[in-house]
Amino acid sequence: KCENLSSLYKIFSMLISAQNLKKTPPILNGALTYIDNNI
């Protein structure tokens, strides 16, 4: 249970990322899109 509390922190990280994604530079969003398309 202790070892896998990382899942809880991962959830919080996703929620924070959802808020911060709107603030990321457009050029970084371009990199993220390229990664998604070529994963």
Full PDB file with SEQRES, HELIX, SHEET, SSBOND, CRYST1, ORIGX, SCALE, CONECT and MASTER records, all heavy atoms in Angstrom:
SEQRES   1 A   39  LYS CYS GLU ASN LEU SER SER LEU TYR LYS ILE PHE SER          
SEQRES   2 A   39  MET LEU ILE SER ALA GLN ASN LEU LYS LYS THR PRO PRO          
SEQRES   3 A   39  ILE LEU ASN GLY ALA LEU THR TYR ILE ASP ASN ASN ILE          
HELIX    1 AA1 GLU A    3  LEU A    5  5                                   3    
HELIX    2 AA2 SER A    6  ASN A   20  1                                  15    
HELIX    3 AA3 LEU A   21  LYS A   23  5                                   3    
HELIX    4 AA4 PRO A   26  ASN A   38  1                                  13    
CRYST1    1.000    1.000    1.000  90.00  90.00  90.00 P 1           1          
ORIGX1      1.000000  0.000000  0.000000        0.00000                         
ORIGX2      0.000000  1.000000  0.000000        0.00000                         
ORIGX3      0.000000  0.000000  1.000000        0.00000                         
SCALE1      1.000000  0.000000  0.000000        0.00000                         
SCALE2      0.000000  1.000000  0.000000        0.00000                         
SCALE3      0.000000  0.000000  1.000000        0.00000                         
ATOM      1  N   LYS A   1       0.828  -1.203   0.000  1.00  0.00           N  
ATOM      2  CA  LYS A   1       0.000   0.000   0.000  1.00  0.00           C  
ATOM      3  C   LYS A   1       0.868   1.260   0.000  1.00  0.00           C  
ATOM      4  O   LYS A   1       0.605   2.212  -0.719  1.00  0.00           O  
ATOM      5  CB  LYS A   1      -0.918  -0.007   1.211  1.00  0.00           C  
ATOM      6  CG  LYS A   1      -1.983  -1.099   1.191  1.00  0.00           C  
ATOM      7  CD  LYS A   1      -2.827  -1.067   2.451  1.00  0.00           C  
ATOM      8  CE  LYS A   1      -3.875  -2.172   2.437  1.00  0.00           C  
ATOM      9  NZ  LYS A   1      -4.699  -2.180   3.645  1.00  0.00           N  
ATOM     10  N   CYS A   2       1.909   1.237   0.815  1.00  0.00           N  
ATOM     11  CA  CYS A   2       2.784   2.408   0.905  1.00  0.00           C  
ATOM     12  C   CYS A   2       3.546   2.622  -0.400  1.00  0.00           C  
ATOM     13  O   CYS A   2       3.655   3.746  -0.888  1.00  0.00           O  
ATOM     14  CB  CYS A   2       3.768   2.230   2.055  1.00  0.00           C  
ATOM     15  SG  CYS A   2       3.016   2.263   3.691  1.00  0.00           S  
ATOM     16  N   GLU A   3       4.052   1.523  -0.961  1.00  0.00           N  
ATOM     17  CA  GLU A   3       4.828   1.622  -2.194  1.00  0.00           C  
ATOM     18  C   GLU A   3       3.990   2.198  -3.330  1.00  0.00           C  
ATOM     19  O   GLU A   3       4.470   2.944  -4.171  1.00  0.00           O  
ATOM     20  CB  GLU A   3       5.355   0.244  -2.595  1.00  0.00           C  
ATOM     21  CG  GLU A   3       6.455  -0.294  -1.689  1.00  0.00           C  
ATOM     22  CD  GLU A   3       6.848  -1.718  -2.059  1.00  0.00           C  
ATOM     23  OE1 GLU A   3       6.170  -2.300  -2.931  1.00  0.00           O  
ATOM     24  OE2 GLU A   3       7.818  -2.228  -1.484  1.00  0.00           O  
ATOM     25  N   ASN A   4       2.720   1.859  -3.363  1.00  0.00           N  
ATOM     26  CA  ASN A   4       1.898   2.242  -4.502  1.00  0.00           C  
ATOM     27  C   ASN A   4       1.038   3.478  -4.264  1.00  0.00           C  
ATOM     28  O   ASN A   4       0.119   3.758  -5.027  1.00  0.00           O  
ATOM     29  CB  ASN A   4       1.021   1.070  -4.931  1.00  0.00           C  
ATOM     30  CG  ASN A   4       1.824   0.002  -5.635  1.00  0.00           C  
ATOM     31  OD1 ASN A   4       2.106   0.094  -6.816  1.00  0.00           O  
ATOM     32  ND2 ASN A   4       2.229  -1.017  -4.902  1.00  0.00           N  
ATOM     33  N   LEU A   5       1.344   4.196  -3.209  1.00  0.00           N  
ATOM     34  CA  LEU A   5       0.678   5.488  -3.036  1.00  0.00           C  
ATOM     35  C   LEU A   5       1.056   6.435  -4.175  1.00  0.00           C  
ATOM     36  O   LEU A   5       0.456   7.491  -4.347  1.00  0.00           O  
ATOM     37  CB  LEU A   5       1.074   6.119  -1.695  1.00  0.00           C  
ATOM     38  CG  LEU A   5       0.294   5.606  -0.485  1.00  0.00           C  
ATOM     39  CD1 LEU A   5       0.875   6.183   0.786  1.00  0.00           C  
ATOM     40  CD2 LEU A   5      -1.172   5.994  -0.607  1.00  0.00           C  
ATOM     41  N   SER A   6       2.053   6.006  -4.971  1.00  0.00           N  
ATOM     42  CA  SER A   6       2.450   6.816  -6.121  1.00  0.00           C  
ATOM     43  C   SER A   6       1.280   7.035  -7.076  1.00  0.00           C  
ATOM     44  O   SER A   6       1.219   8.047  -7.775  1.00  0.00           O  
ATOM     45  CB  SER A   6       3.608   6.151  -6.867  1.00  0.00           C  
ATOM     46  OG  SER A   6       3.232   4.865  -7.320  1.00  0.00           O  
ATOM     47  N   SER A   7       0.333   6.089  -7.090  1.00  0.00           N  
ATOM     48  CA  SER A   7      -0.838   6.252  -7.957  1.00  0.00           C  
ATOM     49  C   SER A   7      -1.657   7.463  -7.533  1.00  0.00           C  
ATOM     50  O   SER A   7      -2.193   8.188  -8.368  1.00  0.00           O  
ATOM     51  CB  SER A   7      -1.715   4.993  -7.916  1.00  0.00           C  
ATOM     52  OG  SER A   7      -1.116   3.937  -8.605  1.00  0.00           O  
ATOM     53  N   LEU A   8      -1.758   7.659  -6.220  1.00  0.00           N  
ATOM     54  CA  LEU A   8      -2.503   8.814  -5.730  1.00  0.00           C  
ATOM     55  C   LEU A   8      -1.820  10.107  -6.163  1.00  0.00           C  
ATOM     56  O   LEU A   8      -2.475  11.043  -6.641  1.00  0.00           O  
ATOM     57  CB  LEU A   8      -2.613   8.761  -4.206  1.00  0.00           C  
ATOM     58  CG  LEU A   8      -3.334   9.928  -3.529  1.00  0.00           C  
ATOM     59  CD1 LEU A   8      -4.769  10.024  -4.037  1.00  0.00           C  
ATOM     60  CD2 LEU A   8      -3.315   9.772  -2.021  1.00  0.00           C  
ATOM     61  N   TYR A   9      -0.486  10.146  -6.032  1.00  0.00           N  
ATOM     62  CA  TYR A   9       0.238  11.347  -6.440  1.00  0.00           C  
ATOM     63  C   TYR A   9       0.177  11.535  -7.952  1.00  0.00           C  
ATOM     64  O   TYR A   9       0.173  12.664  -8.439  1.00  0.00           O  
ATOM     65  CB  TYR A   9       1.695  11.272  -5.959  1.00  0.00           C  
ATOM     66  CG  TYR A   9       1.815  11.306  -4.461  1.00  0.00           C  
ATOM     67  CD1 TYR A   9       2.234  10.182  -3.746  1.00  0.00           C  
ATOM     68  CD2 TYR A   9       1.485  12.448  -3.746  1.00  0.00           C  
ATOM     69  CE1 TYR A   9       2.322  10.209  -2.367  1.00  0.00           C  
ATOM     70  CE2 TYR A   9       1.567  12.490  -2.366  1.00  0.00           C  
ATOM     71  CZ  TYR A   9       1.993  11.357  -1.672  1.00  0.00           C  
ATOM     72  OH  TYR A   9       2.075  11.384  -0.309  1.00  0.00           O  
ATOM     73  N   LYS A  10       0.121  10.417  -8.693  1.00  0.00           N  
ATOM     74  CA  LYS A  10       0.001  10.507 -10.150  1.00  0.00           C  
ATOM     75  C   LYS A  10      -1.345  11.143 -10.518  1.00  0.00           C  
ATOM     76  O   LYS A  10      -1.433  11.944 -11.442  1.00  0.00           O  
ATOM     77  CB  LYS A  10       0.108   9.121 -10.773  1.00  0.00           C  
ATOM     78  CG  LYS A  10      -0.015   9.099 -12.290  1.00  0.00           C  
ATOM     79  CD  LYS A  10       1.146   9.811 -12.944  1.00  0.00           C  
ATOM     80  CE  LYS A  10       1.016   9.801 -14.467  1.00  0.00           C  
ATOM     81  NZ  LYS A  10       1.072   8.449 -15.025  1.00  0.00           N  
ATOM     82  N   ILE A  11      -2.385  10.786  -9.781  1.00  0.00           N  
ATOM     83  CA  ILE A  11      -3.704  11.373 -10.024  1.00  0.00           C  
ATOM     84  C   ILE A  11      -3.665  12.883  -9.798  1.00  0.00           C  
ATOM     85  O   ILE A  11      -4.157  13.662 -10.615  1.00  0.00           O  
ATOM     86  CB  ILE A  11      -4.762  10.721  -9.118  1.00  0.00           C  
ATOM     87  CG1 ILE A  11      -5.024   9.284  -9.572  1.00  0.00           C  
ATOM     88  CG2 ILE A  11      -6.064  11.519  -9.120  1.00  0.00           C  
ATOM     89  CD1 ILE A  11      -5.865   8.475  -8.615  1.00  0.00           C  
ATOM     90  N   PHE A  12      -3.049  13.303  -8.700  1.00  0.00           N  
ATOM     91  CA  PHE A  12      -2.940  14.728  -8.425  1.00  0.00           C  
ATOM     92  C   PHE A  12      -2.138  15.426  -9.524  1.00  0.00           C  
ATOM     93  O   PHE A  12      -2.469  16.535  -9.944  1.00  0.00           O  
ATOM     94  CB  PHE A  12      -2.281  14.973  -7.070  1.00  0.00           C  
ATOM     95  CG  PHE A  12      -3.120  14.531  -5.901  1.00  0.00           C  
ATOM     96  CD1 PHE A  12      -2.536  14.116  -4.720  1.00  0.00           C  
ATOM     97  CD2 PHE A  12      -4.508  14.528  -5.990  1.00  0.00           C  
ATOM     98  CE1 PHE A  12      -3.312  13.702  -3.651  1.00  0.00           C  
ATOM     99  CE2 PHE A  12      -5.289  14.110  -4.925  1.00  0.00           C  
ATOM    100  CZ  PHE A  12      -4.692  13.704  -3.749  1.00  0.00           C  
ATOM    101  N   SER A  13      -1.077  14.753  -9.990  1.00  0.00           N  
ATOM    102  CA  SER A  13      -0.254  15.330 -11.047  1.00  0.00           C  
ATOM    103  C   SER A  13      -1.068  15.525 -12.320  1.00  0.00           C  
ATOM    104  O   SER A  13      -0.938  16.550 -13.003  1.00  0.00           O  
ATOM    105  CB  SER A  13       0.939  14.410 -11.329  1.00  0.00           C  
ATOM    106  OG  SER A  13       1.697  14.887 -12.412  1.00  0.00           O  
ATOM    107  N   MET A  14      -1.929  14.555 -12.648  1.00  0.00           N  
ATOM    108  CA  MET A  14      -2.777  14.677 -13.832  1.00  0.00           C  
ATOM    109  C   MET A  14      -3.740  15.851 -13.696  1.00  0.00           C  
ATOM    110  O   MET A  14      -3.979  16.590 -14.658  1.00  0.00           O  
ATOM    111  CB  MET A  14      -3.582  13.392 -14.035  1.00  0.00           C  
ATOM    112  CG  MET A  14      -2.772  12.222 -14.535  1.00  0.00           C  
ATOM    113  SD  MET A  14      -3.824  10.772 -14.727  1.00  0.00           S  
ATOM    114  CE  MET A  14      -2.641   9.600 -15.398  1.00  0.00           C  
ATOM    115  N   LEU A  15      -4.298  16.000 -12.513  1.00  0.00           N  
ATOM    116  CA  LEU A  15      -5.248  17.093 -12.295  1.00  0.00           C  
ATOM    117  C   LEU A  15      -4.556  18.445 -12.416  1.00  0.00           C  
ATOM    118  O   LEU A  15      -5.098  19.393 -12.998  1.00  0.00           O  
ATOM    119  CB  LEU A  15      -5.901  16.950 -10.919  1.00  0.00           C  
ATOM    120  CG  LEU A  15      -6.712  15.674 -10.689  1.00  0.00           C  
ATOM    121  CD1 LEU A  15      -7.283  15.646  -9.277  1.00  0.00           C  
ATOM    122  CD2 LEU A  15      -7.829  15.550 -11.705  1.00  0.00           C  
ATOM    123  N   ILE A  16      -3.351  18.531 -11.864  1.00  0.00           N  
ATOM    124  CA  ILE A  16      -2.597  19.785 -11.955  1.00  0.00           C  
ATOM    125  C   ILE A  16      -2.201  20.053 -13.395  1.00  0.00           C  
ATOM    126  O   ILE A  16      -2.280  21.179 -13.882  1.00  0.00           O  
ATOM    127  CB  ILE A  16      -1.342  19.713 -11.055  1.00  0.00           C  
ATOM    128  CG1 ILE A  16      -1.769  19.677  -9.581  1.00  0.00           C  
ATOM    129  CG2 ILE A  16      -0.433  20.910 -11.307  1.00  0.00           C  
ATOM    130  CD1 ILE A  16      -0.634  19.376  -8.639  1.00  0.00           C  
ATOM    131  N   SER A  17      -1.789  18.995 -14.106  1.00  0.00           N  
ATOM    132  CA  SER A  17      -1.385  19.150 -15.501  1.00  0.00           C  
ATOM    133  C   SER A  17      -2.545  19.644 -16.357  1.00  0.00           C  
ATOM    134  O   SER A  17      -2.365  20.412 -17.293  1.00  0.00           O  
ATOM    135  CB  SER A  17      -0.861  17.824 -16.055  1.00  0.00           C  
ATOM    136  OG  SER A  17       0.322  17.446 -15.397  1.00  0.00           O  
ATOM    137  N   ALA A  18      -3.751  19.176 -16.019  1.00  0.00           N  
ATOM    138  CA  ALA A  18      -4.926  19.606 -16.786  1.00  0.00           C  
ATOM    139  C   ALA A  18      -5.119  21.110 -16.662  1.00  0.00           C  
ATOM    140  O   ALA A  18      -5.528  21.780 -17.602  1.00  0.00           O  
ATOM    141  CB  ALA A  18      -6.171  18.876 -16.278  1.00  0.00           C  
ATOM    142  N   GLN A  19      -4.790  21.644 -15.490  1.00  0.00           N  
ATOM    143  CA  GLN A  19      -4.893  23.086 -15.290  1.00  0.00           C  
ATOM    144  C   GLN A  19      -3.748  23.819 -15.972  1.00  0.00           C  
ATOM    145  O   GLN A  19      -3.934  24.862 -16.590  1.00  0.00           O  
ATOM    146  CB  GLN A  19      -4.862  23.397 -13.788  1.00  0.00           C  
ATOM    147  CG  GLN A  19      -6.163  23.069 -13.062  1.00  0.00           C  
ATOM    148  CD  GLN A  19      -7.271  24.055 -13.418  1.00  0.00           C  
ATOM    149  OE1 GLN A  19      -7.935  23.929 -14.438  1.00  0.00           O  
ATOM    150  NE2 GLN A  19      -7.482  25.031 -12.575  1.00  0.00           N  
ATOM    151  N   ASN A  20      -2.540  23.238 -15.872  1.00  0.00           N  
ATOM    152  CA  ASN A  20      -1.362  23.933 -16.377  1.00  0.00           C  
ATOM    153  C   ASN A  20      -1.195  23.840 -17.880  1.00  0.00           C  
ATOM    154  O   ASN A  20      -0.473  24.636 -18.486  1.00  0.00           O  
ATOM    155  CB  ASN A  20      -0.096  23.377 -15.708  1.00  0.00           C  
ATOM    156  CG  ASN A  20      -0.023  23.750 -14.238  1.00  0.00           C  
ATOM    157  OD1 ASN A  20      -0.679  24.683 -13.797  1.00  0.00           O  
ATOM    158  ND2 ASN A  20       0.781  23.022 -13.486  1.00  0.00           N  
ATOM    159  N   LEU A  21      -1.868  22.843 -18.522  1.00  0.00           N  
ATOM    160  CA  LEU A  21      -1.700  22.657 -19.954  1.00  0.00           C  
ATOM    161  C   LEU A  21      -2.081  23.915 -20.725  1.00  0.00           C  
ATOM    162  O   LEU A  21      -1.495  24.225 -21.756  1.00  0.00           O  
ATOM    163  CB  LEU A  21      -2.546  21.472 -20.427  1.00  0.00           C  
ATOM    164  CG  LEU A  21      -2.301  20.996 -21.864  1.00  0.00           C  
ATOM    165  CD1 LEU A  21      -0.838  20.591 -22.047  1.00  0.00           C  
ATOM    166  CD2 LEU A  21      -3.227  19.860 -22.222  1.00  0.00           C  
ATOM    167  N   LYS A  22      -3.084  24.636 -20.216  1.00  0.00           N  
ATOM    168  CA  LYS A  22      -3.515  25.856 -20.888  1.00  0.00           C  
ATOM    169  C   LYS A  22      -2.426  26.936 -20.829  1.00  0.00           C  
ATOM    170  O   LYS A  22      -2.441  27.866 -21.617  1.00  0.00           O  
ATOM    171  CB  LYS A  22      -4.794  26.379 -20.234  1.00  0.00           C  
ATOM    172  CG  LYS A  22      -5.954  25.381 -20.256  1.00  0.00           C  
ATOM    173  CD  LYS A  22      -7.134  25.883 -19.446  1.00  0.00           C  
ATOM    174  CE  LYS A  22      -8.264  24.868 -19.386  1.00  0.00           C  
ATOM    175  NZ  LYS A  22      -9.387  25.321 -18.544  1.00  0.00           N  
ATOM    176  N   LYS A  23      -1.480  26.785 -19.874  1.00  0.00           N  
ATOM    177  CA  LYS A  23      -0.470  27.808 -19.681  1.00  0.00           C  
ATOM    178  C   LYS A  23       0.846  27.464 -20.373  1.00  0.00           C  
ATOM    179  O   LYS A  23       1.774  28.264 -20.363  1.00  0.00           O  
ATOM    180  CB  LYS A  23      -0.214  27.995 -18.175  1.00  0.00           C  
ATOM    181  CG  LYS A  23      -1.472  28.292 -17.366  1.00  0.00           C  
ATOM    182  CD  LYS A  23      -1.158  28.324 -15.878  1.00  0.00           C  
ATOM    183  CE  LYS A  23      -2.424  28.505 -15.041  1.00  0.00           C  
ATOM    184  NZ  LYS A  23      -2.143  28.477 -13.590  1.00  0.00           N  
ATOM    185  N   THR A  24       0.972  26.270 -20.928  1.00  0.00           N  
ATOM    186  CA  THR A  24       2.220  25.874 -21.546  1.00  0.00           C  
ATOM    187  C   THR A  24       2.444  26.639 -22.849  1.00  0.00           C  
ATOM    188  O   THR A  24       1.494  26.971 -23.560  1.00  0.00           O  
ATOM    189  CB  THR A  24       2.247  24.364 -21.840  1.00  0.00           C  
ATOM    190  OG1 THR A  24       1.123  24.022 -22.665  1.00  0.00           O  
ATOM    191  CG2 THR A  24       2.186  23.560 -20.558  1.00  0.00           C  
ATOM    192  N   PRO A  25       3.694  26.912 -23.176  1.00  0.00           N  
ATOM    193  CA  PRO A  25       3.999  27.622 -24.432  1.00  0.00           C  
ATOM    194  C   PRO A  25       3.496  26.833 -25.634  1.00  0.00           C  
ATOM    195  O   PRO A  25       3.564  25.597 -25.633  1.00  0.00           O  
ATOM    196  CB  PRO A  25       5.536  27.684 -24.412  1.00  0.00           C  
ATOM    197  CG  PRO A  25       5.925  27.506 -22.982  1.00  0.00           C  
ATOM    198  CD  PRO A  25       4.890  26.594 -22.390  1.00  0.00           C  
ATOM    199  N   PRO A  26       3.010  27.515 -26.653  1.00  0.00           N  
ATOM    200  CA  PRO A  26       2.522  26.815 -27.859  1.00  0.00           C  
ATOM    201  C   PRO A  26       3.558  25.877 -28.454  1.00  0.00           C  
ATOM    202  O   PRO A  26       3.215  24.809 -28.964  1.00  0.00           O  
ATOM    203  CB  PRO A  26       2.187  27.971 -28.807  1.00  0.00           C  
ATOM    204  CG  PRO A  26       1.861  29.116 -27.897  1.00  0.00           C  
ATOM    205  CD  PRO A  26       2.784  28.963 -26.723  1.00  0.00           C  
ATOM    206  N   ILE A  27       4.823  26.249 -28.383  1.00  0.00           N  
ATOM    207  CA  ILE A  27       5.868  25.409 -28.972  1.00  0.00           C  
ATOM    208  C   ILE A  27       5.981  24.079 -28.219  1.00  0.00           C  
ATOM    209  O   ILE A  27       6.257  23.032 -28.810  1.00  0.00           O  
ATOM    210  CB  ILE A  27       7.230  26.150 -28.991  1.00  0.00           C  
ATOM    211  CG1 ILE A  27       8.183  25.429 -29.939  1.00  0.00           C  
ATOM    212  CG2 ILE A  27       7.805  26.290 -27.600  1.00  0.00           C  
ATOM    213  CD1 ILE A  27       9.418  26.242 -30.273  1.00  0.00           C  
ATOM    214  N   LEU A  28       5.736  24.099 -26.896  1.00  0.00           N  
ATOM    215  CA  LEU A  28       5.750  22.863 -26.120  1.00  0.00           C  
ATOM    216  C   LEU A  28       4.542  22.009 -26.468  1.00  0.00           C  
ATOM    217  O   LEU A  28       4.644  20.782 -26.582  1.00  0.00           O  
ATOM    218  CB  LEU A  28       5.773  23.174 -24.624  1.00  0.00           C  
ATOM    219  CG  LEU A  28       5.692  21.952 -23.692  1.00  0.00           C  
ATOM    220  CD1 LEU A  28       6.804  20.951 -23.994  1.00  0.00           C  
ATOM    221  CD2 LEU A  28       5.761  22.395 -22.232  1.00  0.00           C  
ATOM    222  N   ASN A  29       3.392  22.650 -26.656  1.00  0.00           N  
ATOM    223  CA  ASN A  29       2.201  21.897 -27.073  1.00  0.00           C  
ATOM    224  C   ASN A  29       2.442  21.206 -28.414  1.00  0.00           C  
ATOM    225  O   ASN A  29       1.946  20.105 -28.655  1.00  0.00           O  
ATOM    226  CB  ASN A  29       0.988  22.830 -27.169  1.00  0.00           C  
ATOM    227  CG  ASN A  29       0.479  23.246 -25.801  1.00  0.00           C  
ATOM    228  OD1 ASN A  29       0.634  22.517 -24.830  1.00  0.00           O  
ATOM    229  ND2 ASN A  29      -0.117  24.422 -25.726  1.00  0.00           N  
ATOM    230  N   GLY A  30       3.244  21.841 -29.270  1.00  0.00           N  
ATOM    231  CA  GLY A  30       3.592  21.221 -30.535  1.00  0.00           C  
ATOM    232  C   GLY A  30       4.407  19.952 -30.333  1.00  0.00           C  
ATOM    233  O   GLY A  30       4.200  18.948 -31.019  1.00  0.00           O  
ATOM    234  N   ALA A  31       5.314  19.997 -29.367  1.00  0.00           N  
ATOM    235  CA  ALA A  31       6.130  18.822 -29.053  1.00  0.00           C  
ATOM    236  C   ALA A  31       5.268  17.706 -28.484  1.00  0.00           C  
ATOM    237  O   ALA A  31       5.437  16.528 -28.829  1.00  0.00           O  
ATOM    238  CB  ALA A  31       7.227  19.205 -28.064  1.00  0.00           C  
ATOM    239  N   LEU A  32       4.325  18.059 -27.605  1.00  0.00           N  
ATOM    240  CA  LEU A  32       3.445  17.060 -26.998  1.00  0.00           C  
ATOM    241  C   LEU A  32       2.554  16.402 -28.052  1.00  0.00           C  
ATOM    242  O   LEU A  32       2.301  15.193 -28.005  1.00  0.00           O  
ATOM    243  CB  LEU A  32       2.585  17.707 -25.911  1.00  0.00           C  
ATOM    244  CG  LEU A  32       3.341  18.353 -24.752  1.00  0.00           C  
ATOM    245  CD1 LEU A  32       2.361  18.915 -23.724  1.00  0.00           C  
ATOM    246  CD2 LEU A  32       4.293  17.379 -24.087  1.00  0.00           C  
ATOM    247  N   THR A  33       2.085  17.209 -29.001  1.00  0.00           N  
ATOM    248  CA  THR A  33       1.260  16.670 -30.090  1.00  0.00           C  
ATOM    249  C   THR A  33       2.072  15.707 -30.948  1.00  0.00           C  
ATOM    250  O   THR A  33       1.587  14.640 -31.346  1.00  0.00           O  
ATOM    251  CB  THR A  33       0.708  17.803 -30.964  1.00  0.00           C  
ATOM    252  OG1 THR A  33      -0.128  18.652 -30.166  1.00  0.00           O  
ATOM    253  CG2 THR A  33      -0.111  17.251 -32.132  1.00  0.00           C  
ATOM    254  N   TYR A  34       3.319  16.072 -31.224  1.00  0.00           N  
ATOM    255  CA  TYR A  34       4.181  15.201 -32.033  1.00  0.00           C  
ATOM    256  C   TYR A  34       4.405  13.870 -31.314  1.00  0.00           C  
ATOM    257  O   TYR A  34       4.380  12.801 -31.945  1.00  0.00           O  
ATOM    258  CB  TYR A  34       5.522  15.885 -32.304  1.00  0.00           C  
ATOM    259  CG  TYR A  34       6.425  15.074 -33.211  1.00  0.00           C  
ATOM    260  CD1 TYR A  34       6.311  15.172 -34.595  1.00  0.00           C  
ATOM    261  CD2 TYR A  34       7.385  14.196 -32.690  1.00  0.00           C  
ATOM    262  CE1 TYR A  34       7.125  14.419 -35.439  1.00  0.00           C  
ATOM    263  CE2 TYR A  34       8.190  13.436 -33.520  1.00  0.00           C  
ATOM    264  CZ  TYR A  34       8.061  13.559 -34.891  1.00  0.00           C  
ATOM    265  OH  TYR A  34       8.858  12.795 -35.718  1.00  0.00           O  
ATOM    266  N   ILE A  35       4.625  13.922 -30.015  1.00  0.00           N  
ATOM    267  CA  ILE A  35       4.820  12.692 -29.239  1.00  0.00           C  
ATOM    268  C   ILE A  35       3.566  11.822 -29.295  1.00  0.00           C  
ATOM    269  O   ILE A  35       3.642  10.615 -29.521  1.00  0.00           O  
ATOM    270  CB  ILE A  35       5.183  13.027 -27.773  1.00  0.00           C  
ATOM    271  CG1 ILE A  35       6.586  13.648 -27.714  1.00  0.00           C  
ATOM    272  CG2 ILE A  35       5.112  11.776 -26.897  1.00  0.00           C  
ATOM    273  CD1 ILE A  35       6.963  14.184 -26.349  1.00  0.00           C  
ATOM    274  N   ASP A  36       2.405  12.433 -29.095  1.00  0.00           N  
ATOM    275  CA  ASP A  36       1.148  11.674 -29.142  1.00  0.00           C  
ATOM    276  C   ASP A  36       0.960  10.988 -30.498  1.00  0.00           C  
ATOM    277  O   ASP A  36       0.506   9.844 -30.568  1.00  0.00           O  
ATOM    278  CB  ASP A  36      -0.046  12.597 -28.867  1.00  0.00           C  
ATOM    279  CG  ASP A  36      -0.154  12.983 -27.406  1.00  0.00           C  
ATOM    280  OD1 ASP A  36       0.426  12.268 -26.563  1.00  0.00           O  
ATOM    281  OD2 ASP A  36      -0.827  13.987 -27.103  1.00  0.00           O  
ATOM    282  N   ASN A  37       1.320  11.697 -31.571  1.00  0.00           N  
ATOM    283  CA  ASN A  37       1.111  11.167 -32.914  1.00  0.00           C  
ATOM    284  C   ASN A  37       2.136  10.104 -33.308  1.00  0.00           C  
ATOM    285  O   ASN A  37       1.928   9.374 -34.284  1.00  0.00           O  
ATOM    286  CB  ASN A  37       1.150  12.299 -33.946  1.00  0.00           C  
ATOM    287  CG  ASN A  37      -0.026  13.249 -33.815  1.00  0.00           C  
ATOM    288  OD1 ASN A  37      -1.059  12.902 -33.234  1.00  0.00           O  
ATOM    289  ND2 ASN A  37       0.126  14.460 -34.326  1.00  0.00           N  
ATOM    290  N   ASN A  38       3.249  10.025 -32.553  1.00  0.00           N  
ATOM    291  CA  ASN A  38       4.323   9.099 -32.921  1.00  0.00           C  
ATOM    292  C   ASN A  38       4.705   8.158 -31.788  1.00  0.00           C  
ATOM    293  O   ASN A  38       5.774   7.544 -31.830  1.00  0.00           O  
ATOM    294  CB  ASN A  38       5.558   9.890 -33.369  1.00  0.00           C  
ATOM    295  CG  ASN A  38       5.331  10.668 -34.653  1.00  0.00           C  
ATOM    296  OD1 ASN A  38       5.487  10.143 -35.744  1.00  0.00           O  
ATOM    297  ND2 ASN A  38       4.950  11.934 -34.505  1.00  0.00           N  
ATOM    298  N   ILE A  39       3.829   8.030 -30.796  1.00  0.00           N  
ATOM    299  CA  ILE A  39       4.147   7.226 -29.616  1.00  0.00           C  
ATOM    300  C   ILE A  39       4.346   5.755 -29.962  1.00  0.00           C  
ATOM    301  O   ILE A  39       5.000   5.010 -29.224  1.00  0.00           O  
ATOM    302  CB  ILE A  39       3.048   7.393 -28.536  1.00  0.00           C  
ATOM    303  CG1 ILE A  39       3.565   6.971 -27.157  1.00  0.00           C  
ATOM    304  CG2 ILE A  39       1.787   6.624 -28.910  1.00  0.00           C  
ATOM    305  CD1 ILE A  39       4.584   7.889 -26.589  1.00  0.00           C  
TER     306      ILE A  39                                                      
MASTER        0    0    0    4    0    0    0    6  305    1    0    3          
END                                                                             
